[in-house]
Amino acid sequence: MKRSIFAVVVLGLFLALVEGLGRLMLETPRPAHTFDDDPELGWVLPAAARFDFGGQSVQTNAWRMRSPAPRGGVKTVISLGDSSVFGHGVEDDEHFSARLGVLLGEEVQVLNAGVPGYTCPQVLGALGRVPVDVDVAVLYPGISDSFIIEGKDQVALPAGLERIRTTGIGRLLLVVATKRSLGRVRVSPGDFEVCLAELVDSVPAAVVVVPLEEGDLGGPTSWHDPRVAHLLPYREAMRRVAESSEVPLIDLPAIAQASGQSADGLLLDVVHPSEQGHEVIAEGIEAVLTAEGLLQ
């Protein structure tokens, strides 16, 4: 009996020591920017704040979106994805959500819920926090999901396990998980496809956007380049989900190629749209919303 009690005490002390060391030595993983920690999503934009990101001044609303405060009584379009949706490198009025809002007029609000680095599971979690009813979701994920884990990346955790990152032991487990995941993609194409289908099913109407990449427009990268080659299965997953769910698909590579513009004109780097690129994206989305009658 005494040995059992002693073993329990020793185990408790050991776990307490590990928890304390984990909290002391490790911070909750998040991008190295002025974001806030979040126990479920990993990180979120700061609320009602102005800060610098990618060389541009960014303003968020009280609901942590790069948009004006949501209004009631109007149709709502929400854009969901990572830094390409957020608007890396462009001003608050230059990302495609802002431009789409101008094209659609005062009777429709377009909310930018993009967050740099977000994978599809994080996008799905963010959708559940939107403070107004959504009429149409513009889904532009996939790029961050396909990133190869190099050691500093956030590991996407299955639903229900997100909160472990707030504990010392959980942080230690994440370090181990990250090291074991080196060289893998953050979210597998199969898991991404399941998540995207769930996103589509979670909203009344959706538009799936296939992301643009420098190699699509004759830039120096190509689909043989390891920086972008792993994005191909995610594009195919988008096409399958759009077809099976019967939702519109916007093929940005095809639209960009038809515009006759160069990669230098439409992209800031390998994948982030420029001001001109965001304008092309907004016009493409507006055309689909109108043609499909999704806001009537």
C-alpha atoms as a PDB file:
ATOM      1  CA  MET A   1       0.000   0.000   0.000  1.00  0.00           C
ATOM      2  CA  LYS A   2       2.773   2.388   0.989  1.00  0.00           C
ATOM      3  CA  ARG A   3       4.650   1.567  -2.216  1.00  0.00           C
ATOM      4  CA  SER A   4       1.571   2.386  -4.274  1.00  0.00           C
ATOM      5  CA  ILE A   5       1.107   5.724  -2.532  1.00  0.00           C
ATOM      6  CA  PHE A   6       4.798   6.490  -2.957  1.00  0.00           C
ATOM      7  CA  ALA A   7       4.602   5.648  -6.683  1.00  0.00           C
ATOM      8  CA  VAL A   8       1.579   7.928  -7.127  1.00  0.00           C
ATOM      9  CA  VAL A   9       3.343  10.769  -5.317  1.00  0.00           C
ATOM     10  CA  VAL A  10       6.495  10.344  -7.400  1.00  0.00           C
ATOM     11  CA  LEU A  11       4.445  10.266 -10.629  1.00  0.00           C
ATOM     12  CA  GLY A  12       2.560  13.387  -9.555  1.00  0.00           C
ATOM     13  CA  LEU A  13       5.793  15.218  -8.761  1.00  0.00           C
ATOM     14  CA  PHE A  14       7.300  14.116 -12.069  1.00  0.00           C
ATOM     15  CA  LEU A  15       4.287  15.358 -14.050  1.00  0.00           C
ATOM     16  CA  ALA A  16       4.304  18.638 -12.128  1.00  0.00           C
ATOM     17  CA  LEU A  17       8.002  19.054 -12.924  1.00  0.00           C
ATOM     18  CA  VAL A  18       7.434  18.355 -16.629  1.00  0.00           C
ATOM     19  CA  GLU A  19       4.478  20.754 -16.699  1.00  0.00           C
ATOM     20  CA  GLY A  20       6.504  23.473 -15.019  1.00  0.00           C
ATOM     21  CA  LEU A  21       9.488  23.016 -17.319  1.00  0.00           C
ATOM     22  CA  GLY A  22       7.209  23.049 -20.367  1.00  0.00           C
ATOM     23  CA  ARG A  23       5.577  26.314 -19.322  1.00  0.00           C
ATOM     24  CA  LEU A  24       8.923  27.876 -18.381  1.00  0.00           C
ATOM     25  CA  MET A  25      10.885  26.830 -21.455  1.00  0.00           C
ATOM     26  CA  LEU A  26       8.304  26.898 -24.231  1.00  0.00           C
ATOM     27  CA  GLU A  27       5.809  29.462 -25.458  1.00  0.00           C
ATOM     28  CA  THR A  28       2.569  28.558 -27.191  1.00  0.00           C
ATOM     29  CA  PRO A  29       3.590  28.174 -30.878  1.00  0.00           C
ATOM     30  CA  ARG A  30       2.389  31.006 -33.108  1.00  0.00           C
ATOM     31  CA  PRO A  31       3.707  33.117 -35.985  1.00  0.00           C
ATOM     32  CA  ALA A  32       6.276  35.747 -35.066  1.00  0.00           C
ATOM     33  CA  HIS A  33       3.877  38.664 -35.485  1.00  0.00           C
ATOM     34  CA  THR A  34       1.659  40.750 -33.241  1.00  0.00           C
ATOM     35  CA  PHE A  35      -1.074  38.115 -33.076  1.00  0.00           C
ATOM     36  CA  ASP A  36      -2.918  36.863 -30.008  1.00  0.00           C
ATOM     37  CA  ASP A  37      -2.711  33.301 -28.700  1.00  0.00           C
ATOM     38  CA  ASP A  38      -5.881  31.248 -28.968  1.00  0.00           C
ATOM     39  CA  PRO A  39      -6.406  27.854 -27.297  1.00  0.00           C
ATOM     40  CA  GLU A  40      -8.421  26.455 -30.214  1.00  0.00           C
ATOM     41  CA  LEU A  41      -7.101  28.188 -33.324  1.00  0.00           C
ATOM     42  CA  GLY A  42      -3.478  28.631 -32.244  1.00  0.00           C
ATOM     43  CA  TRP A  43      -3.402  32.343 -33.060  1.00  0.00           C
ATOM     44  CA  VAL A  44      -5.861  35.071 -34.039  1.00  0.00           C
ATOM     45  CA  LEU A  45      -5.582  38.654 -35.214  1.00  0.00           C
ATOM     46  CA  PRO A  46      -5.649  41.235 -32.409  1.00  0.00           C
ATOM     47  CA  ALA A  47      -9.060  42.822 -31.837  1.00  0.00           C
ATOM     48  CA  ALA A  48      -9.722  46.453 -32.804  1.00  0.00           C
ATOM     49  CA  ALA A  49      -6.031  47.087 -33.363  1.00  0.00           C
ATOM     50  CA  ARG A  50      -3.717  48.803 -35.814  1.00  0.00           C
ATOM     51  CA  PHE A  51      -0.413  47.061 -36.458  1.00  0.00           C
ATOM     52  CA  ASP A  52       2.196  46.527 -39.154  1.00  0.00           C
ATOM     53  CA  PHE A  53       2.192  43.387 -41.264  1.00  0.00           C
ATOM     54  CA  GLY A  54       4.216  42.809 -44.402  1.00  0.00           C
ATOM     55  CA  GLY A  55       5.208  46.460 -44.541  1.00  0.00           C
ATOM     56  CA  GLN A  56       1.610  47.680 -44.483  1.00  0.00           C
ATOM     57  CA  SER A  57      -0.502  49.198 -41.728  1.00  0.00           C
ATOM     58  CA  VAL A  58      -3.406  46.878 -40.848  1.00  0.00           C
ATOM     59  CA  GLN A  59      -6.645  47.766 -39.013  1.00  0.00           C
ATOM     60  CA  THR A  60      -8.866  45.074 -37.491  1.00  0.00           C
ATOM     61  CA  ASN A  61     -12.372  45.324 -36.091  1.00  0.00           C
ATOM     62  CA  ALA A  62     -13.593  44.113 -32.691  1.00  0.00           C
ATOM     63  CA  TRP A  63     -14.229  40.641 -34.175  1.00  0.00           C
ATOM     64  CA  ARG A  64     -10.575  40.303 -35.270  1.00  0.00           C
ATOM     65  CA  MET A  65     -11.256  40.734 -38.976  1.00  0.00           C
ATOM     66  CA  ARG A  66      -9.546  43.056 -41.438  1.00  0.00           C
ATOM     67  CA  SER A  67     -12.854  44.705 -42.280  1.00  0.00           C
ATOM     68  CA  PRO A  68     -15.217  47.342 -40.898  1.00  0.00           C
ATOM     69  CA  ALA A  69     -17.557  46.183 -38.121  1.00  0.00           C
ATOM     70  CA  PRO A  70     -20.195  43.710 -39.383  1.00  0.00           C
ATOM     71  CA  ARG A  71     -23.649  45.188 -40.051  1.00  0.00           C
ATOM     72  CA  GLY A  72     -27.050  43.609 -39.656  1.00  0.00           C
ATOM     73  CA  GLY A  73     -29.822  43.688 -42.227  1.00  0.00           C
ATOM     74  CA  VAL A  74     -27.602  43.212 -45.283  1.00  0.00           C
ATOM     75  CA  LYS A  75     -26.387  40.259 -47.315  1.00  0.00           C
ATOM     76  CA  THR A  76     -23.058  38.962 -46.034  1.00  0.00           C
ATOM     77  CA  VAL A  77     -20.163  37.496 -47.990  1.00  0.00           C
ATOM     78  CA  ILE A  78     -17.205  36.238 -45.973  1.00  0.00           C
ATOM     79  CA  SER A  79     -13.741  35.494 -47.353  1.00  0.00           C
ATOM     80  CA  LEU A  80     -11.877  32.682 -45.585  1.00  0.00           C
ATOM     81  CA  GLY A  81      -8.273  31.565 -45.981  1.00  0.00           C
ATOM     82  CA  ASP A  82      -4.708  32.497 -45.125  1.00  0.00           C
ATOM     83  CA  SER A  83      -2.436  35.471 -45.889  1.00  0.00           C
ATOM     84  CA  SER A  84      -3.525  35.646 -49.530  1.00  0.00           C
ATOM     85  CA  VAL A  85      -7.060  36.385 -48.315  1.00  0.00           C
ATOM     86  CA  PHE A  86      -5.872  38.582 -45.448  1.00  0.00           C
ATOM     87  CA  GLY A  87      -3.971  40.737 -47.920  1.00  0.00           C
ATOM     88  CA  HIS A  88      -0.253  40.290 -47.277  1.00  0.00           C
ATOM     89  CA  GLY A  89       1.556  43.361 -48.571  1.00  0.00           C
ATOM     90  CA  VAL A  90      -1.484  45.457 -49.552  1.00  0.00           C
ATOM     91  CA  GLU A  91      -3.475  48.207 -47.843  1.00  0.00           C
ATOM     92  CA  ASP A  92      -6.785  47.788 -46.008  1.00  0.00           C
ATOM     93  CA  ASP A  93      -8.767  48.955 -49.046  1.00  0.00           C
ATOM     94  CA  GLU A  94      -6.749  46.952 -51.576  1.00  0.00           C
ATOM     95  CA  HIS A  95      -7.379  43.292 -50.642  1.00  0.00           C
ATOM     96  CA  PHE A  96      -9.991  41.520 -52.762  1.00  0.00           C
ATOM     97  CA  SER A  97     -12.650  41.491 -50.021  1.00  0.00           C
ATOM     98  CA  ALA A  98     -12.575  45.298 -49.809  1.00  0.00           C
ATOM     99  CA  ARG A  99     -12.641  45.614 -53.591  1.00  0.00           C
ATOM    100  CA  LEU A 100     -15.470  43.084 -53.865  1.00  0.00           C
ATOM    101  CA  GLY A 101     -17.476  45.099 -51.340  1.00  0.00           C
ATOM    102  CA  VAL A 102     -17.188  48.165 -53.583  1.00  0.00           C
ATOM    103  CA  LEU A 103     -18.274  46.162 -56.638  1.00  0.00           C
ATOM    104  CA  LEU A 104     -21.309  44.680 -54.852  1.00  0.00           C
ATOM    105  CA  GLY A 105     -22.516  47.967 -53.346  1.00  0.00           C
ATOM    106  CA  GLU A 106     -23.964  49.036 -49.988  1.00  0.00           C
ATOM    107  CA  GLU A 107     -26.588  46.282 -49.837  1.00  0.00           C
ATOM    108  CA  VAL A 108     -23.871  43.645 -49.419  1.00  0.00           C
ATOM    109  CA  GLN A 109     -21.061  43.529 -46.857  1.00  0.00           C
ATOM    110  CA  VAL A 110     -17.895  41.554 -47.546  1.00  0.00           C
ATOM    111  CA  LEU A 111     -15.953  40.493 -44.465  1.00  0.00           C
ATOM    112  CA  ASN A 112     -12.289  39.546 -44.651  1.00  0.00           C
ATOM    113  CA  ALA A 113     -11.715  36.695 -42.179  1.00  0.00           C
ATOM    114  CA  GLY A 114      -8.367  35.644 -43.657  1.00  0.00           C
ATOM    115  CA  VAL A 115      -5.545  35.030 -41.170  1.00  0.00           C
ATOM    116  CA  PRO A 116      -1.897  34.544 -42.197  1.00  0.00           C
ATOM    117  CA  GLY A 117      -0.796  30.951 -41.857  1.00  0.00           C
ATOM    118  CA  TYR A 118      -4.252  29.429 -41.405  1.00  0.00           C
ATOM    119  CA  THR A 119      -4.874  25.904 -42.630  1.00  0.00           C
ATOM    120  CA  CYS A 120      -8.308  24.547 -43.511  1.00  0.00           C
ATOM    121  CA  PRO A 121      -9.026  23.212 -39.985  1.00  0.00           C
ATOM    122  CA  GLN A 122      -8.305  26.670 -38.562  1.00  0.00           C
ATOM    123  CA  VAL A 123     -10.491  28.300 -41.225  1.00  0.00           C
ATOM    124  CA  LEU A 124     -13.320  25.948 -40.252  1.00  0.00           C
ATOM    125  CA  GLY A 125     -12.921  26.950 -36.597  1.00  0.00           C
ATOM    126  CA  ALA A 126     -12.851  30.644 -37.499  1.00  0.00           C
ATOM    127  CA  LEU A 127     -16.096  30.315 -39.458  1.00  0.00           C
ATOM    128  CA  GLY A 128     -17.862  29.249 -36.268  1.00  0.00           C
ATOM    129  CA  ARG A 129     -16.977  32.575 -34.638  1.00  0.00           C
ATOM    130  CA  VAL A 130     -18.433  34.886 -37.278  1.00  0.00           C
ATOM    131  CA  PRO A 131     -20.894  37.181 -35.436  1.00  0.00           C
ATOM    132  CA  VAL A 132     -23.449  37.478 -38.272  1.00  0.00           C
ATOM    133  CA  ASP A 133     -25.292  35.066 -40.548  1.00  0.00           C
ATOM    134  CA  VAL A 134     -23.305  34.274 -43.674  1.00  0.00           C
ATOM    135  CA  ASP A 135     -25.009  34.153 -47.070  1.00  0.00           C
ATOM    136  CA  VAL A 136     -21.981  33.224 -49.180  1.00  0.00           C
ATOM    137  CA  ALA A 137     -18.480  32.064 -48.201  1.00  0.00           C
ATOM    138  CA  VAL A 138     -15.537  32.609 -50.517  1.00  0.00           C
ATOM    139  CA  LEU A 139     -13.146  29.743 -49.707  1.00  0.00           C
ATOM    140  CA  TYR A 140      -9.494  30.356 -50.616  1.00  0.00           C
ATOM    141  CA  PRO A 141      -7.505  27.826 -48.509  1.00  0.00           C
ATOM    142  CA  GLY A 142      -4.867  25.296 -49.526  1.00  0.00           C
ATOM    143  CA  ILE A 143      -1.586  27.179 -49.705  1.00  0.00           C
ATOM    144  CA  SER A 144      -0.727  27.085 -45.998  1.00  0.00           C
ATOM    145  CA  ASP A 145      -2.089  23.527 -45.756  1.00  0.00           C
ATOM    146  CA  SER A 146       0.481  22.432 -48.338  1.00  0.00           C
ATOM    147  CA  PHE A 147       3.481  24.049 -46.622  1.00  0.00           C
ATOM    148  CA  ILE A 148       6.275  21.656 -45.751  1.00  0.00           C
ATOM    149  CA  ILE A 149       6.969  21.554 -42.000  1.00  0.00           C
ATOM    150  CA  GLU A 150      10.504  22.798 -41.383  1.00  0.00           C
ATOM    151  CA  GLY A 151      10.592  22.949 -37.597  1.00  0.00           C
ATOM    152  CA  LYS A 152       9.038  26.315 -36.761  1.00  0.00           C
ATOM    153  CA  ASP A 153       5.588  25.605 -38.143  1.00  0.00           C
ATOM    154  CA  GLN A 154       2.413  25.227 -36.179  1.00  0.00           C
ATOM    155  CA  VAL A 155       1.283  21.596 -36.192  1.00  0.00           C
ATOM    156  CA  ALA A 156      -2.390  21.289 -37.102  1.00  0.00           C
ATOM    157  CA  LEU A 157      -4.062  19.253 -34.361  1.00  0.00           C
ATOM    158  CA  PRO A 158      -7.194  17.113 -34.719  1.00  0.00           C
ATOM    159  CA  ALA A 159     -10.440  18.611 -33.412  1.00  0.00           C
ATOM    160  CA  GLY A 160     -10.661  18.365 -29.630  1.00  0.00           C
ATOM    161  CA  LEU A 161      -6.899  18.405 -29.043  1.00  0.00           C
ATOM    162  CA  GLU A 162      -6.254  22.104 -29.680  1.00  0.00           C
ATOM    163  CA  ARG A 163      -6.275  23.078 -26.011  1.00  0.00           C
ATOM    164  CA  ILE A 164      -3.222  20.966 -25.132  1.00  0.00           C
ATOM    165  CA  ARG A 165      -1.025  23.715 -26.554  1.00  0.00           C
ATOM    166  CA  THR A 166      -1.921  25.879 -23.528  1.00  0.00           C
ATOM    167  CA  THR A 167      -0.300  23.444 -21.079  1.00  0.00           C
ATOM    168  CA  GLY A 168       3.366  22.824 -20.436  1.00  0.00           C
ATOM    169  CA  ILE A 169       3.082  19.102 -21.161  1.00  0.00           C
ATOM    170  CA  GLY A 170       1.091  19.880 -24.300  1.00  0.00           C
ATOM    171  CA  ARG A 171       3.800  22.224 -25.546  1.00  0.00           C
ATOM    172  CA  LEU A 172       6.427  19.525 -25.036  1.00  0.00           C
ATOM    173  CA  LEU A 173       4.260  17.076 -26.956  1.00  0.00           C
ATOM    174  CA  LEU A 174       3.950  19.614 -29.781  1.00  0.00           C
ATOM    175  CA  VAL A 175       7.738  19.891 -29.975  1.00  0.00           C
ATOM    176  CA  VAL A 176       7.959  16.117 -30.317  1.00  0.00           C
ATOM    177  CA  ALA A 177       5.128  16.076 -32.877  1.00  0.00           C
ATOM    178  CA  THR A 178       6.780  18.828 -34.900  1.00  0.00           C
ATOM    179  CA  LYS A 179      10.122  17.031 -34.996  1.00  0.00           C
ATOM    180  CA  ARG A 180       8.416  13.823 -36.094  1.00  0.00           C
ATOM    181  CA  SER A 181       6.542  15.788 -38.786  1.00  0.00           C
ATOM    182  CA  LEU A 182       9.593  17.422 -40.390  1.00  0.00           C
ATOM    183  CA  GLY A 183       9.388  17.220 -44.164  1.00  0.00           C
ATOM    184  CA  ARG A 184       5.651  16.528 -44.212  1.00  0.00           C
ATOM    185  CA  VAL A 185       2.888  18.871 -45.297  1.00  0.00           C
ATOM    186  CA  ARG A 186       0.964  20.634 -42.533  1.00  0.00           C
ATOM    187  CA  VAL A 187      -2.392  19.134 -43.593  1.00  0.00           C
ATOM    188  CA  SER A 188      -2.474  16.154 -45.942  1.00  0.00           C
ATOM    189  CA  PRO A 189      -4.392  16.475 -49.229  1.00  0.00           C
ATOM    190  CA  GLY A 190      -6.884  13.870 -48.000  1.00  0.00           C
ATOM    191  CA  ASP A 191      -7.560  15.670 -44.718  1.00  0.00           C
ATOM    192  CA  PHE A 192      -7.739  18.954 -46.609  1.00  0.00           C
ATOM    193  CA  GLU A 193     -10.401  17.580 -48.955  1.00  0.00           C
ATOM    194  CA  VAL A 194     -12.515  16.348 -46.036  1.00  0.00           C
ATOM    195  CA  CYS A 195     -12.168  19.713 -44.289  1.00  0.00           C
ATOM    196  CA  LEU A 196     -13.033  21.700 -47.415  1.00  0.00           C
ATOM    197  CA  ALA A 197     -16.159  19.607 -47.951  1.00  0.00           C
ATOM    198  CA  GLU A 198     -17.179  20.317 -44.351  1.00  0.00           C
ATOM    199  CA  LEU A 199     -16.607  24.039 -44.922  1.00  0.00           C
ATOM    200  CA  VAL A 200     -18.853  23.980 -47.985  1.00  0.00           C
ATOM    201  CA  ASP A 201     -21.555  22.138 -46.052  1.00  0.00           C
ATOM    202  CA  SER A 202     -21.371  24.678 -43.198  1.00  0.00           C
ATOM    203  CA  VAL A 203     -22.643  27.669 -45.206  1.00  0.00           C
ATOM    204  CA  PRO A 204     -25.772  28.342 -47.296  1.00  0.00           C
ATOM    205  CA  ALA A 205     -23.676  28.980 -50.423  1.00  0.00           C
ATOM    206  CA  ALA A 206     -19.979  28.851 -51.232  1.00  0.00           C
ATOM    207  CA  VAL A 207     -17.490  29.707 -53.936  1.00  0.00           C
ATOM    208  CA  VAL A 208     -14.217  27.739 -54.068  1.00  0.00           C
ATOM    209  CA  VAL A 209     -11.186  29.640 -55.348  1.00  0.00           C
ATOM    210  CA  VAL A 210      -8.186  27.810 -56.838  1.00  0.00           C
ATOM    211  CA  PRO A 211      -5.072  29.763 -55.754  1.00  0.00           C
ATOM    212  CA  LEU A 212      -2.713  31.442 -58.183  1.00  0.00           C
ATOM    213  CA  GLU A 213       1.028  30.744 -58.230  1.00  0.00           C
ATOM    214  CA  GLU A 214       3.935  32.409 -59.966  1.00  0.00           C
ATOM    215  CA  GLY A 215       4.611  29.453 -62.267  1.00  0.00           C
ATOM    216  CA  ASP A 216       1.085  29.743 -63.713  1.00  0.00           C
ATOM    217  CA  LEU A 217       2.116  32.968 -65.423  1.00  0.00           C
ATOM    218  CA  GLY A 218       5.564  32.071 -66.668  1.00  0.00           C
ATOM    219  CA  GLY A 219       7.389  33.154 -63.530  1.00  0.00           C
ATOM    220  CA  PRO A 220      10.687  31.592 -62.439  1.00  0.00           C
ATOM    221  CA  THR A 221       9.003  28.898 -60.331  1.00  0.00           C
ATOM    222  CA  SER A 222       7.435  25.831 -61.883  1.00  0.00           C
ATOM    223  CA  TRP A 223       5.478  22.803 -60.751  1.00  0.00           C
ATOM    224  CA  HIS A 224       8.793  20.956 -60.576  1.00  0.00           C
ATOM    225  CA  ASP A 225       9.934  23.464 -57.946  1.00  0.00           C
ATOM    226  CA  PRO A 226       9.538  21.869 -54.474  1.00  0.00           C
ATOM    227  CA  ARG A 227       8.211  25.194 -53.153  1.00  0.00           C
ATOM    228  CA  VAL A 228       5.010  24.816 -55.162  1.00  0.00           C
ATOM    229  CA  ALA A 229       4.794  21.285 -56.582  1.00  0.00           C
ATOM    230  CA  HIS A 230       3.048  19.992 -53.457  1.00  0.00           C
ATOM    231  CA  LEU A 231       0.155  22.445 -54.062  1.00  0.00           C
ATOM    232  CA  LEU A 232      -1.144  20.423 -57.041  1.00  0.00           C
ATOM    233  CA  PRO A 233      -3.051  17.766 -55.020  1.00  0.00           C
ATOM    234  CA  TYR A 234      -4.825  20.534 -53.090  1.00  0.00           C
ATOM    235  CA  ARG A 235      -5.976  22.139 -56.328  1.00  0.00           C
ATOM    236  CA  GLU A 236      -7.372  18.805 -57.455  1.00  0.00           C
ATOM    237  CA  ALA A 237      -9.131  18.400 -54.109  1.00  0.00           C
ATOM    238  CA  MET A 238     -10.758  21.826 -54.593  1.00  0.00           C
ATOM    239  CA  ARG A 239     -12.023  20.803 -58.005  1.00  0.00           C
ATOM    240  CA  ARG A 240     -13.454  17.525 -56.709  1.00  0.00           C
ATOM    241  CA  VAL A 241     -15.204  19.183 -53.763  1.00  0.00           C
ATOM    242  CA  ALA A 242     -16.662  21.903 -55.979  1.00  0.00           C
ATOM    243  CA  GLU A 243     -17.942  19.326 -58.461  1.00  0.00           C
ATOM    244  CA  SER A 244     -19.383  16.933 -55.879  1.00  0.00           C
ATOM    245  CA  SER A 245     -20.978  19.752 -53.857  1.00  0.00           C
ATOM    246  CA  GLU A 246     -22.156  21.581 -56.997  1.00  0.00           C
ATOM    247  CA  VAL A 247     -20.666  24.917 -55.970  1.00  0.00           C
ATOM    248  CA  PRO A 248     -18.961  27.409 -58.305  1.00  0.00           C
ATOM    249  CA  LEU A 249     -15.219  27.082 -58.818  1.00  0.00           C
ATOM    250  CA  ILE A 250     -13.092  30.113 -59.664  1.00  0.00           C
ATOM    251  CA  ASP A 251      -9.929  29.021 -61.449  1.00  0.00           C
ATOM    252  CA  LEU A 252      -7.564  31.905 -60.727  1.00  0.00           C
ATOM    253  CA  PRO A 253      -4.754  30.539 -62.928  1.00  0.00           C
ATOM    254  CA  ALA A 254      -7.110  30.433 -65.916  1.00  0.00           C
ATOM    255  CA  ILE A 255      -8.491  33.910 -65.161  1.00  0.00           C
ATOM    256  CA  ALA A 256      -5.013  35.360 -64.738  1.00  0.00           C
ATOM    257  CA  GLN A 257      -3.772  33.755 -67.937  1.00  0.00           C
ATOM    258  CA  ALA A 258      -6.780  35.103 -69.834  1.00  0.00           C
ATOM    259  CA  SER A 259      -6.005  38.604 -68.549  1.00  0.00           C
ATOM    260  CA  GLY A 260      -2.663  38.465 -70.350  1.00  0.00           C
ATOM    261  CA  GLN A 261      -0.800  39.884 -67.368  1.00  0.00           C
ATOM    262  CA  SER A 262       2.547  38.757 -66.024  1.00  0.00           C
ATOM    263  CA  ALA A 263       3.388  37.243 -62.661  1.00  0.00           C
ATOM    264  CA  ASP A 264       5.188  40.464 -61.753  1.00  0.00           C
ATOM    265  CA  GLY A 265       1.940  42.363 -62.253  1.00  0.00           C
ATOM    266  CA  LEU A 266      -0.406  40.057 -60.351  1.00  0.00           C
ATOM    267  CA  LEU A 267       1.797  38.673 -57.567  1.00  0.00           C
ATOM    268  CA  LEU A 268       4.085  40.189 -54.952  1.00  0.00           C
ATOM    269  CA  ASP A 269       6.049  36.954 -54.621  1.00  0.00           C
ATOM    270  CA  VAL A 270       5.394  33.269 -55.326  1.00  0.00           C
ATOM    271  CA  VAL A 271       1.752  33.200 -54.152  1.00  0.00           C
ATOM    272  CA  HIS A 272       0.619  36.505 -52.574  1.00  0.00           C
ATOM    273  CA  PRO A 273      -1.528  38.665 -54.894  1.00  0.00           C
ATOM    274  CA  SER A 274      -0.461  42.223 -55.593  1.00  0.00           C
ATOM    275  CA  GLU A 275      -2.874  45.161 -55.542  1.00  0.00           C
ATOM    276  CA  GLN A 276      -3.590  44.457 -59.198  1.00  0.00           C
ATOM    277  CA  GLY A 277      -3.946  40.745 -58.465  1.00  0.00           C
ATOM    278  CA  HIS A 278      -6.530  41.410 -55.766  1.00  0.00           C
ATOM    279  CA  GLU A 279      -8.478  43.537 -58.246  1.00  0.00           C
ATOM    280  CA  VAL A 280      -8.562  40.663 -60.766  1.00  0.00           C
ATOM    281  CA  ILE A 281      -9.688  38.251 -58.032  1.00  0.00           C
ATOM    282  CA  ALA A 282     -12.475  40.589 -56.867  1.00  0.00           C
ATOM    283  CA  GLU A 283     -13.770  41.007 -60.412  1.00  0.00           C
ATOM    284  CA  GLY A 284     -13.734  37.233 -60.932  1.00  0.00           C
ATOM    285  CA  ILE A 285     -15.683  36.592 -57.736  1.00  0.00           C
ATOM    286  CA  GLU A 286     -18.201  39.337 -58.495  1.00  0.00           C
ATOM    287  CA  ALA A 287     -18.844  37.862 -61.937  1.00  0.00           C
ATOM    288  CA  VAL A 288     -19.525  34.413 -60.456  1.00  0.00           C
ATOM    289  CA  LEU A 289     -21.774  35.747 -57.677  1.00  0.00           C
ATOM    290  CA  THR A 290     -23.806  37.666 -60.246  1.00  0.00           C
ATOM    291  CA  ALA A 291     -23.998  34.856 -62.794  1.00  0.00           C
ATOM    292  CA  GLU A 292     -25.037  32.296 -60.166  1.00  0.00           C
ATOM    293  CA  GLY A 293     -27.498  34.657 -58.464  1.00  0.00           C
ATOM    294  CA  LEU A 294     -26.037  33.763 -55.072  1.00  0.00           C
ATOM    295  CA  LEU A 295     -26.982  37.085 -53.454  1.00  0.00           C
ATOM    296  CA  GLN A 296     -30.549  37.372 -54.726  1.00  0.00           C
END
